[in-house]
Amino acid sequence: MSNVYSRYGANYQSVSFNFEAKSLNEVGFRRDHQASIPVNKRDEWFQLTKTVEVTAEAEGGVQFEVEQQLLDRLEERAQAAVDSLPLGGVAIIENERGGLDQPKPRQSIGNVVLEGENRFHFTYRIEPPLRIGLYRRRKESGAF
């Protein structure tokens, strides 16, 4: 069972990371339909232990490769946060999908001279950070 969730309407749906440079929404999540948590039951069933802000940076000379490297780093760091959960815990993506706090790759382009030729140099970073709430299961919760 997945232990990563994102809000869809009145429920948190289980999701998997879908960080892909070729997609329109690079920092995305794919619903896997394994489990859901009603939004109004989150605090009854789980207790927030901490919120982790995950970000990444990458730079290089090939735009697509640099962006994918950035997203791979972000996924690795996000997965490390999820892996730190206690048994029965869940990770909830706190950023609002499509909102102003949706994590996105931000790009800056510079020029470098390499072997006498002008080349582009791409620098990417994730802004704002991906916020992941780490929750432990409450002992008294009977459901889920």
Protein backbone atom coordinates (compact mmCIF):
# COMPACT_ATOMS: atom_id res chain seq x y z
CA MET A 1 0.00 0.00 0.00
CA SER A 2 1.22 3.47 -0.86
CA ASN A 3 2.03 5.79 2.00
CA VAL A 4 2.18 9.01 -0.05
CA TYR A 5 -1.05 11.00 -0.43
CA SER A 6 -2.21 14.13 -2.21
CA ARG A 7 -5.52 15.95 -1.81
CA TYR A 8 -8.20 15.47 -4.45
CA GLY A 9 -11.47 17.09 -3.37
CA ALA A 10 -12.73 15.69 -0.05
CA ASN A 11 -10.11 12.90 0.09
CA TYR A 12 -6.40 12.36 0.20
CA GLN A 13 -5.68 9.80 -2.54
CA SER A 14 -2.64 7.53 -2.58
CA VAL A 15 -0.15 8.66 -5.21
CA SER A 16 3.26 7.86 -6.62
CA PHE A 17 5.85 10.43 -7.64
CA ASN A 18 5.71 11.38 -11.32
CA PHE A 19 8.55 13.85 -11.83
CA GLU A 20 9.10 14.02 -15.59
CA ALA A 21 10.89 16.75 -17.54
CA LYS A 22 8.82 16.07 -20.66
CA SER A 23 5.46 16.70 -18.99
CA LEU A 24 3.68 20.02 -18.70
CA ASN A 25 3.50 19.72 -14.89
CA GLU A 26 7.01 18.47 -14.14
CA VAL A 27 6.49 17.96 -10.39
CA GLY A 28 3.46 15.73 -10.55
CA PHE A 29 1.82 12.83 -8.80
CA ARG A 30 -0.01 9.85 -10.27
CA ARG A 31 -2.99 8.47 -8.37
CA ASP A 32 -2.59 4.74 -7.86
CA HIS A 33 -6.10 4.11 -6.42
CA GLN A 34 -4.72 1.93 -3.60
CA ALA A 35 -6.14 3.89 -0.67
CA SER A 36 -7.78 7.13 0.36
CA ILE A 37 -8.18 9.10 3.57
CA PRO A 38 -11.16 11.44 4.08
CA VAL A 39 -9.84 14.97 4.63
CA ASN A 40 -12.03 15.36 7.72
CA LYS A 41 -10.48 12.20 9.30
CA ARG A 42 -6.81 13.08 8.84
CA ASP A 43 -6.33 14.66 12.26
CA GLU A 44 -8.42 11.97 13.95
CA TRP A 45 -6.40 9.11 12.43
CA PHE A 46 -2.94 10.71 12.17
CA GLN A 47 -0.72 13.17 14.02
CA LEU A 48 1.72 15.46 12.22
CA THR A 49 5.27 14.76 13.35
CA LYS A 50 7.03 17.22 11.04
CA THR A 51 6.84 18.97 7.69
CA VAL A 52 9.79 18.54 5.35
CA GLU A 53 10.61 21.06 2.61
CA VAL A 54 12.33 19.34 -0.30
CA THR A 55 14.17 21.19 -3.03
CA ALA A 56 16.90 20.50 -5.56
CA GLU A 57 19.29 22.22 -7.95
CA ALA A 58 21.13 21.15 -11.08
CA GLU A 59 23.25 22.77 -13.78
CA GLY A 60 24.89 21.83 -17.03
CA GLY A 61 25.05 22.34 -20.77
CA VAL A 62 22.11 20.28 -22.09
CA GLN A 63 18.74 21.71 -21.08
CA PHE A 64 16.65 18.50 -20.99
CA GLU A 65 19.34 16.51 -19.17
CA VAL A 66 19.78 19.23 -16.53
CA GLU A 67 16.03 19.48 -15.92
CA GLN A 68 15.66 15.69 -15.61
CA GLN A 69 18.67 15.57 -13.26
CA LEU A 70 16.94 18.22 -11.13
CA LEU A 71 13.72 16.19 -10.98
CA ASP A 72 15.59 12.95 -10.23
CA ARG A 73 17.31 14.67 -7.30
CA LEU A 74 13.99 16.02 -6.05
CA GLU A 75 12.41 12.57 -6.23
CA GLU A 76 15.36 10.98 -4.42
CA ARG A 77 15.13 13.52 -1.59
CA ALA A 78 11.33 13.25 -1.38
CA GLN A 79 11.57 9.45 -1.24
CA ALA A 80 14.16 9.71 1.55
CA ALA A 81 11.68 11.78 3.57
CA VAL A 82 8.93 9.22 2.95
CA ASP A 83 11.27 6.36 3.89
CA SER A 84 11.80 8.00 7.31
CA LEU A 85 8.13 7.42 8.23
CA PRO A 86 7.34 5.18 11.19
CA LEU A 87 5.39 1.98 10.53
CA GLY A 88 1.80 2.86 9.63
CA GLY A 89 2.68 6.50 8.97
CA VAL A 90 1.72 8.50 5.91
CA ALA A 91 3.24 11.35 3.93
CA ILE A 92 0.84 14.00 2.66
CA ILE A 93 1.83 16.46 -0.05
CA GLU A 94 1.01 19.83 1.50
CA ASN A 95 1.40 21.99 -1.63
CA GLU A 96 -1.87 22.90 -3.27
CA ARG A 97 -2.15 21.32 -6.72
CA GLY A 98 -2.29 24.06 -9.33
CA GLY A 99 -1.94 26.73 -6.66
CA LEU A 100 0.62 29.44 -6.17
CA ASP A 101 2.73 27.13 -4.02
CA GLN A 102 2.97 24.38 -6.68
CA PRO A 103 6.65 23.38 -6.93
CA LYS A 104 8.09 24.15 -10.36
CA PRO A 105 11.49 24.10 -12.01
CA ARG A 106 12.89 27.63 -12.33
CA GLN A 107 15.52 28.16 -14.99
CA SER A 108 18.30 30.62 -15.60
CA ILE A 109 20.46 30.57 -18.70
CA GLY A 110 23.97 31.90 -18.97
CA ASN A 111 26.71 31.80 -21.55
CA VAL A 112 30.07 30.15 -21.06
CA VAL A 113 33.04 29.98 -23.38
CA LEU A 114 34.20 26.40 -23.83
CA GLU A 115 37.16 25.69 -26.12
CA GLY A 116 36.71 29.06 -27.77
CA GLU A 117 32.98 28.61 -28.44
CA ASN A 118 30.01 30.25 -26.76
CA ARG A 119 27.76 27.68 -25.09
CA PHE A 120 24.60 27.88 -23.05
CA HIS A 121 24.81 26.95 -19.37
CA PHE A 122 21.52 26.01 -17.72
CA THR A 123 20.84 26.29 -14.01
CA TYR A 124 17.62 24.86 -12.55
CA ARG A 125 16.14 24.96 -9.07
CA ILE A 126 12.80 23.96 -7.57
CA GLU A 127 10.72 26.86 -6.22
CA PRO A 128 8.76 26.88 -4.04
CA PRO A 129 9.91 23.76 -2.17
CA LEU A 130 7.89 20.55 -2.19
CA ARG A 131 6.30 20.38 1.28
CA ILE A 132 5.65 16.91 2.66
CA GLY A 133 3.80 16.45 5.95
CA LEU A 134 4.98 13.34 7.79
CA TYR A 135 2.25 11.84 9.96
CA ARG A 136 2.28 9.00 12.44
CA ARG A 137 -0.81 6.93 13.07
CA ARG A 138 -2.69 7.68 16.28
CA LYS A 139 -2.96 4.67 18.56
CA GLU A 140 -6.66 5.21 19.19
CA SER A 141 -7.66 5.38 15.49
CA GLY A 142 -9.74 2.36 14.62
CA ALA A 143 -10.25 2.91 10.90
CA PHE A 144 -7.89 2.82 7.92
